[in-house]
Amino acid sequence: MGLGRLVSPVTAGALLLAGSAGAAEWHVPGQFPTIQAAIDSSSVHDGDTITVSFGRHKGATVTKAITIRGSSGATIVGGPVVNAYGRAGFLFAGAGQGSGATITSLHFLGVAFAVFSRGADFVSVTDNDIRGVFQGVTNWANGTWGKGWDISRNTIGGLKASCGGGIGVLVGDYAGGTVTDNLIANNTIEGPVRVRSDDCGNYNAPGVTLFADFRFPGDLGATIHNNRVTKNRVYVTSYEPALVTVSGVELSDTRNLAAQIVISSNSVAYNDLRGMDVPVALTPDELVAANTFVGNLTGPLPDEPSRRLAGAAAAPIR
């Protein structure tokens, strides 16, 4: 964005300059009634910040490299439809739209997904509080995109599952992409995963997963390498462990082929996975030699009974 960008007379008096030269700060409500109206405005440009005030707000489809920052008490309670499971707080609709955006310092409550991407690069999702979702942060590469995300310092709790989901952070692909250089760090993912007693079951609900998806006809999976999962605290349990198991961190190629390793050179390091019967779940088992696992804290919590071991891969929602 050039330094000489012109601002219409209507908005010039209300525009506040942000930290970088030429970037502007906008307020919801204030200059715009909704976050979507702000993003869609021709006055809002890449590099600008949208500050969301205290209260309950609908999220938006993100199409620009903007920062969406919450003030204290700003809560996202709706947003664009993703699929039959429901709505996202923020949707990245694909083809790189919204690459470079930042979602930060917001509360999410009552949406199916907090942040859901079908193809964007270099997105930052930081310092958010996420409650009661099927998937917290979802980065599907969709064949071309999905690199360079920073998913850090979020608190994710009260996850729910319904024949899929129950996942804190997902990075993966099903369209043959190369998923690389993503950082998942310093997040707290805790609490029980809510599972109905009539759930279809036979899948795993991990706190964090790197996922090469070949589940459906035509799926091309992914090459997943040079991603970092570090310094996260993950302690999740399952309401129905006979149906849906849990793990701390899962690396999964749904084909389970030891001779065709597509998940490699990733680092799972210095995570606190204490209390998890399955701290790290690998499909296939041979992924242990193709990736780096170092410094992770494991073992039981004091006086904690053992739980059912994970026996199936995750079933992430697309």
Protein backbone atom coordinates (compact mmCIF):
# COMPACT_ATOMS: atom_id res chain seq x y z
CA MET A 1 0.00 0.00 0.00
CA GLY A 2 1.54 3.31 -1.04
CA LEU A 3 2.14 6.19 1.35
CA GLY A 4 0.06 8.53 -0.78
CA ARG A 5 -3.23 6.61 -0.54
CA LEU A 6 -6.20 8.96 -0.60
CA VAL A 7 -9.03 8.69 1.92
CA SER A 8 -12.57 9.82 1.19
CA PRO A 9 -13.70 13.00 3.02
CA VAL A 10 -16.36 11.02 4.90
CA THR A 11 -13.83 8.76 6.63
CA ALA A 12 -10.73 10.95 6.73
CA GLY A 13 -11.55 12.53 10.08
CA ALA A 14 -12.14 9.20 11.77
CA LEU A 15 -9.12 7.32 10.43
CA LEU A 16 -6.33 6.56 12.87
CA LEU A 17 -2.82 5.78 11.69
CA ALA A 18 -1.42 2.45 12.84
CA GLY A 19 2.19 1.58 13.52
CA SER A 20 3.42 1.15 9.97
CA ALA A 21 3.47 4.07 7.57
CA GLY A 22 0.30 4.32 5.54
CA ALA A 23 -1.60 1.63 7.47
CA ALA A 24 -4.89 2.61 9.05
CA GLU A 25 -6.95 1.48 12.03
CA TRP A 26 -10.71 1.08 11.73
CA HIS A 27 -13.28 0.36 14.41
CA VAL A 28 -16.28 -1.98 14.59
CA PRO A 29 -18.74 -0.64 15.49
CA GLY A 30 -17.77 2.90 14.71
CA GLN A 31 -16.65 3.41 11.18
CA PHE A 32 -18.36 0.13 10.18
CA PRO A 33 -21.33 -1.73 11.69
CA THR A 34 -19.83 -5.21 11.13
CA ILE A 35 -16.47 -6.82 10.52
CA GLN A 36 -17.63 -8.00 7.09
CA ALA A 37 -18.62 -4.46 6.12
CA ALA A 38 -15.16 -3.25 7.09
CA ILE A 39 -13.37 -5.96 5.10
CA ASP A 40 -15.55 -5.35 2.05
CA SER A 41 -15.07 -1.59 2.10
CA SER A 42 -12.92 -0.10 -0.66
CA SER A 43 -11.40 2.17 2.02
CA VAL A 44 -9.86 -0.77 3.91
CA HIS A 45 -6.60 -2.02 2.40
CA ASP A 46 -3.97 -4.68 2.98
CA GLY A 47 -1.97 -3.80 6.09
CA ASP A 48 -4.84 -2.06 7.87
CA THR A 49 -6.19 -3.06 11.29
CA ILE A 50 -9.83 -3.60 12.21
CA THR A 51 -10.32 -3.22 15.95
CA VAL A 52 -13.43 -4.97 17.29
CA SER A 53 -14.98 -3.45 20.40
CA PHE A 54 -16.45 -5.15 23.47
CA GLY A 55 -19.61 -7.15 22.77
CA ARG A 56 -20.98 -9.94 20.58
CA HIS A 57 -20.14 -9.81 16.87
CA LYS A 58 -20.45 -11.87 13.72
CA GLY A 59 -17.20 -12.87 12.06
CA ALA A 60 -16.49 -12.64 8.34
CA THR A 61 -14.97 -14.07 5.19
CA VAL A 62 -11.42 -12.71 5.07
CA THR A 63 -10.25 -11.49 1.66
CA LYS A 64 -7.46 -9.03 2.55
CA ALA A 65 -4.12 -9.08 4.40
CA ILE A 66 -5.51 -7.20 7.37
CA THR A 67 -5.29 -7.53 11.14
CA ILE A 68 -8.54 -8.21 12.97
CA ARG A 69 -7.91 -7.44 16.63
CA GLY A 70 -10.33 -7.73 19.53
CA SER A 71 -10.60 -5.28 22.38
CA SER A 72 -11.25 -6.71 25.84
CA GLY A 73 -14.50 -8.67 25.78
CA ALA A 74 -14.91 -8.79 21.99
CA THR A 75 -16.67 -12.10 21.27
CA ILE A 76 -17.33 -13.77 17.92
CA VAL A 77 -20.66 -15.63 18.01
CA GLY A 78 -21.43 -16.13 14.30
CA GLY A 79 -20.03 -15.85 10.82
CA PRO A 80 -20.06 -17.37 7.34
CA VAL A 81 -21.37 -20.88 6.73
CA VAL A 82 -18.63 -23.49 6.22
CA ASN A 83 -20.57 -26.73 5.77
CA ALA A 84 -23.33 -28.78 7.38
CA TYR A 85 -21.59 -28.52 10.74
CA GLY A 86 -22.18 -24.78 10.86
CA ARG A 87 -20.41 -21.46 10.74
CA ALA A 88 -16.88 -20.18 11.20
CA GLY A 89 -15.82 -17.11 13.08
CA PHE A 90 -13.49 -16.37 10.17
CA LEU A 91 -13.47 -18.17 6.84
CA PHE A 92 -10.64 -18.12 4.30
CA ALA A 93 -12.55 -19.26 1.24
CA GLY A 94 -9.57 -20.42 -0.84
CA ALA A 95 -7.32 -19.49 -3.77
CA GLY A 96 -5.11 -17.46 -1.44
CA GLN A 97 -7.79 -14.99 -0.38
CA GLY A 98 -6.84 -13.38 2.91
CA SER A 99 -3.20 -14.51 2.80
CA GLY A 100 -1.16 -12.47 5.26
CA ALA A 101 -4.09 -11.74 7.59
CA THR A 102 -3.93 -11.81 11.38
CA ILE A 103 -6.73 -12.87 13.75
CA THR A 104 -5.87 -11.92 17.31
CA SER A 105 -7.15 -11.26 20.84
CA LEU A 106 -10.74 -12.42 20.26
CA HIS A 107 -13.13 -14.74 22.09
CA PHE A 108 -15.02 -17.35 20.07
CA LEU A 109 -18.22 -18.87 21.39
CA GLY A 110 -21.10 -20.67 19.70
CA VAL A 111 -19.52 -21.22 16.28
CA ALA A 112 -18.63 -24.58 14.73
CA PHE A 113 -15.13 -23.43 13.77
CA ALA A 114 -13.11 -20.47 15.01
CA VAL A 115 -10.85 -20.06 11.96
CA PHE A 116 -11.35 -22.26 8.89
CA SER A 117 -9.23 -22.02 5.74
CA ARG A 118 -9.59 -23.66 2.34
CA GLY A 119 -6.35 -22.21 1.03
CA ALA A 120 -4.33 -19.23 2.32
CA ASP A 121 -0.69 -18.53 3.21
CA PHE A 122 1.03 -16.71 6.09
CA VAL A 123 -2.02 -16.32 8.29
CA SER A 124 -1.47 -15.58 11.98
CA VAL A 125 -3.97 -16.78 14.59
CA THR A 126 -2.70 -15.63 17.97
CA ASP A 127 -3.81 -14.91 21.52
CA ASN A 128 -7.43 -15.99 21.05
CA ASP A 129 -9.79 -17.79 23.45
CA ILE A 130 -11.77 -20.50 21.61
CA ARG A 131 -14.61 -22.47 23.21
CA GLY A 132 -17.11 -25.12 22.16
CA VAL A 133 -16.04 -25.71 18.54
CA PHE A 134 -15.67 -28.80 16.37
CA GLN A 135 -12.22 -27.59 15.22
CA GLY A 136 -10.35 -24.63 16.63
CA VAL A 137 -7.95 -23.57 13.89
CA THR A 138 -8.21 -25.40 10.55
CA ASN A 139 -5.60 -24.89 7.80
CA TRP A 140 -6.45 -27.01 4.75
CA ALA A 141 -3.82 -26.29 2.11
CA ASN A 142 -6.15 -27.19 -0.76
CA GLY A 143 -3.35 -28.21 -3.10
CA THR A 144 -1.43 -24.95 -3.40
CA TRP A 145 -1.63 -22.90 -0.23
CA GLY A 146 -1.42 -23.53 3.50
CA LYS A 147 2.18 -22.54 4.25
CA GLY A 148 3.69 -20.16 6.77
CA TRP A 149 0.89 -20.04 9.35
CA ASP A 150 1.60 -18.88 12.91
CA ILE A 151 -0.88 -20.47 15.33
CA SER A 152 0.36 -19.38 18.73
CA ARG A 153 -0.72 -18.59 22.28
CA ASN A 154 -4.36 -19.56 21.81
CA THR A 155 -6.50 -21.22 24.47
CA ILE A 156 -8.83 -23.89 23.07
CA GLY A 157 -11.30 -25.78 25.25
CA GLY A 158 -14.66 -27.50 25.30
CA LEU A 159 -14.11 -29.18 21.94
CA LYS A 160 -16.97 -31.23 20.51
CA ALA A 161 -17.20 -34.09 18.04
CA SER A 162 -20.00 -35.42 15.86
CA CYS A 163 -18.79 -38.22 13.57
CA GLY A 164 -15.67 -36.09 13.11
CA GLY A 165 -13.90 -33.08 14.56
CA GLY A 166 -12.94 -32.70 18.20
CA ILE A 167 -9.62 -31.22 17.02
CA GLY A 168 -7.82 -28.22 18.48
CA VAL A 169 -5.48 -27.38 15.58
CA LEU A 170 -5.42 -29.03 12.15
CA VAL A 171 -2.81 -28.48 9.44
CA GLY A 172 -3.14 -30.72 6.40
CA ASP A 173 -4.34 -31.32 2.88
CA TYR A 174 -6.31 -33.69 0.68
CA ALA A 175 -5.57 -32.09 -2.72
CA GLY A 176 -1.93 -33.06 -3.20
CA GLY A 177 -0.29 -29.94 -1.79
CA THR A 178 3.01 -29.43 0.01
CA VAL A 179 2.24 -28.17 3.49
CA THR A 180 5.29 -26.52 5.00
CA ASP A 181 6.71 -23.96 7.41
CA ASN A 182 3.73 -23.75 9.75
CA LEU A 183 4.24 -23.00 13.45
CA ILE A 184 1.92 -24.32 16.17
CA ALA A 185 3.35 -23.02 19.44
CA ASN A 186 2.50 -22.12 23.02
CA ASN A 187 -1.17 -23.03 22.73
CA THR A 188 -3.22 -24.49 25.57
CA ILE A 189 -5.69 -27.18 24.47
CA GLU A 190 -7.48 -28.71 27.44
CA GLY A 191 -10.69 -30.21 28.71
CA PRO A 192 -13.11 -32.96 27.72
CA VAL A 193 -14.17 -33.53 24.12
CA ARG A 194 -17.95 -33.68 24.07
CA VAL A 195 -19.11 -36.82 22.25
CA ARG A 196 -22.72 -37.97 22.00
CA SER A 197 -23.50 -41.51 23.07
CA ASP A 198 -24.86 -42.24 19.57
CA ASP A 199 -21.79 -40.92 17.73
CA CYS A 200 -20.60 -43.09 14.80
CA GLY A 201 -17.22 -43.40 16.55
CA ASN A 202 -14.03 -45.21 15.52
CA TYR A 203 -11.89 -42.09 15.18
CA ASN A 204 -9.44 -40.08 17.27
CA ALA A 205 -9.70 -36.49 18.56
CA PRO A 206 -6.18 -35.03 18.81
CA GLY A 207 -5.23 -31.72 20.32
CA VAL A 208 -2.98 -31.00 17.33
CA THR A 209 -2.76 -32.91 14.06
CA LEU A 210 -0.68 -32.83 10.88
CA PHE A 211 -2.90 -34.70 8.46
CA ALA A 212 -2.38 -36.19 4.98
CA ASP A 213 -5.93 -37.02 3.95
CA PHE A 214 -6.68 -39.85 1.52
CA ARG A 215 -10.04 -40.83 3.01
CA PHE A 216 -12.33 -40.23 0.06
CA PRO A 217 -12.27 -41.18 -3.65
CA GLY A 218 -10.13 -38.71 -5.57
CA ASP A 219 -8.17 -37.51 -2.52
CA LEU A 220 -4.49 -36.83 -3.18
CA GLY A 221 -3.32 -36.35 0.39
CA ALA A 222 -0.33 -34.11 1.02
CA THR A 223 3.39 -33.82 1.49
CA ILE A 224 3.82 -32.39 4.98
CA HIS A 225 7.27 -31.28 6.07
CA ASN A 226 9.21 -28.64 8.02
CA ASN A 227 6.33 -27.78 10.33
CA ARG A 228 6.88 -27.15 14.04
CA VAL A 229 4.64 -28.21 16.92
CA THR A 230 6.32 -26.83 20.01
CA LYS A 231 5.71 -25.76 23.61
CA ASN A 232 1.99 -26.51 23.57
CA ARG A 233 0.08 -27.76 26.60
CA VAL A 234 -2.37 -30.47 25.53
CA TYR A 235 -4.54 -32.40 27.97
CA VAL A 236 -7.83 -33.63 26.55
CA THR A 237 -10.20 -36.42 27.53
CA SER A 238 -13.22 -38.00 25.83
CA TYR A 239 -16.80 -38.14 27.09
CA GLU A 240 -17.20 -41.44 25.21
CA PRO A 241 -13.76 -43.10 25.03
CA ALA A 242 -15.21 -46.34 23.68
CA LEU A 243 -16.35 -44.39 20.60
CA VAL A 244 -13.87 -41.53 20.21
CA THR A 245 -10.35 -41.73 21.57
CA VAL A 246 -7.99 -38.81 22.20
CA SER A 247 -4.30 -38.02 21.79
CA GLY A 248 -2.02 -35.06 22.37
CA VAL A 249 -0.37 -34.70 18.96
CA GLU A 250 -1.23 -36.81 15.91
CA LEU A 251 0.72 -37.17 12.66
CA SER A 252 -1.42 -39.17 10.28
CA ASP A 253 -1.36 -40.46 6.72
CA THR A 254 -4.74 -42.13 6.38
CA ARG A 255 -3.36 -44.75 3.97
CA ASN A 256 -1.10 -46.10 6.74
CA LEU A 257 1.60 -47.09 4.22
CA ALA A 258 5.05 -47.54 5.73
CA ALA A 259 6.66 -47.62 2.28
CA GLN A 260 5.31 -44.23 1.22
CA ILE A 261 6.18 -41.66 3.85
CA VAL A 262 4.75 -38.21 3.03
CA ILE A 263 4.98 -36.68 6.52
CA SER A 264 8.63 -35.97 7.26
CA SER A 265 11.11 -33.50 8.75
CA ASN A 266 8.52 -32.05 11.09
CA SER A 267 9.43 -31.18 14.69
CA VAL A 268 7.31 -32.10 17.71
CA ALA A 269 9.31 -30.61 20.55
CA TYR A 270 8.98 -29.49 24.16
CA ASN A 271 5.23 -29.97 24.39
CA ASP A 272 3.58 -30.69 27.73
CA LEU A 273 1.51 -33.82 27.07
CA ARG A 274 1.31 -35.09 30.64
CA GLY A 275 -1.84 -36.95 31.52
CA MET A 276 -2.35 -38.27 27.99
CA ASP A 277 -2.40 -42.05 27.64
CA VAL A 278 -1.37 -41.40 24.02
CA PRO A 279 0.87 -38.32 23.98
CA VAL A 280 1.77 -38.79 20.31
CA ALA A 281 -0.19 -40.89 17.80
CA LEU A 282 1.49 -41.86 14.52
CA THR A 283 -0.01 -43.40 11.39
CA PRO A 284 1.99 -45.25 10.20
CA ASP A 285 4.30 -46.05 13.11
CA GLU A 286 7.32 -45.48 10.84
CA LEU A 287 6.75 -41.72 11.05
CA VAL A 288 8.73 -41.81 14.27
CA ALA A 289 11.97 -42.14 12.28
CA ALA A 290 11.04 -39.55 9.65
CA ASN A 291 10.28 -36.71 12.07
CA THR A 292 11.89 -35.19 15.16
CA PHE A 293 10.43 -35.81 18.62
CA VAL A 294 12.40 -34.22 21.44
CA GLY A 295 11.84 -32.84 24.92
CA ASN A 296 8.12 -33.61 25.20
CA LEU A 297 6.77 -34.08 28.72
CA THR A 298 4.74 -37.25 29.09
CA GLY A 299 3.49 -39.54 31.84
CA PRO A 300 0.48 -39.54 34.16
CA LEU A 301 -0.79 -36.75 36.32
CA PRO A 302 -0.72 -37.52 40.06
CA ASP A 303 -3.43 -39.99 41.13
CA GLU A 304 -4.96 -40.06 37.67
CA PRO A 305 -6.63 -43.28 36.44
CA SER A 306 -5.62 -44.63 33.06
CA ARG A 307 -7.90 -44.18 30.03
CA ARG A 308 -8.51 -45.97 26.77
CA LEU A 309 -5.66 -45.87 24.28
CA ALA A 310 -6.12 -44.22 20.90
CA GLY A 311 -6.73 -46.76 18.17
CA ALA A 312 -7.83 -44.81 15.10
CA ALA A 313 -6.86 -41.73 13.11
CA ALA A 314 -8.54 -38.36 13.40
CA ALA A 315 -11.60 -37.53 11.31
CA PRO A 316 -11.16 -33.84 10.51
CA ILE A 317 -14.01 -31.87 9.01
CA ARG A 318 -13.68 -30.41 5.52
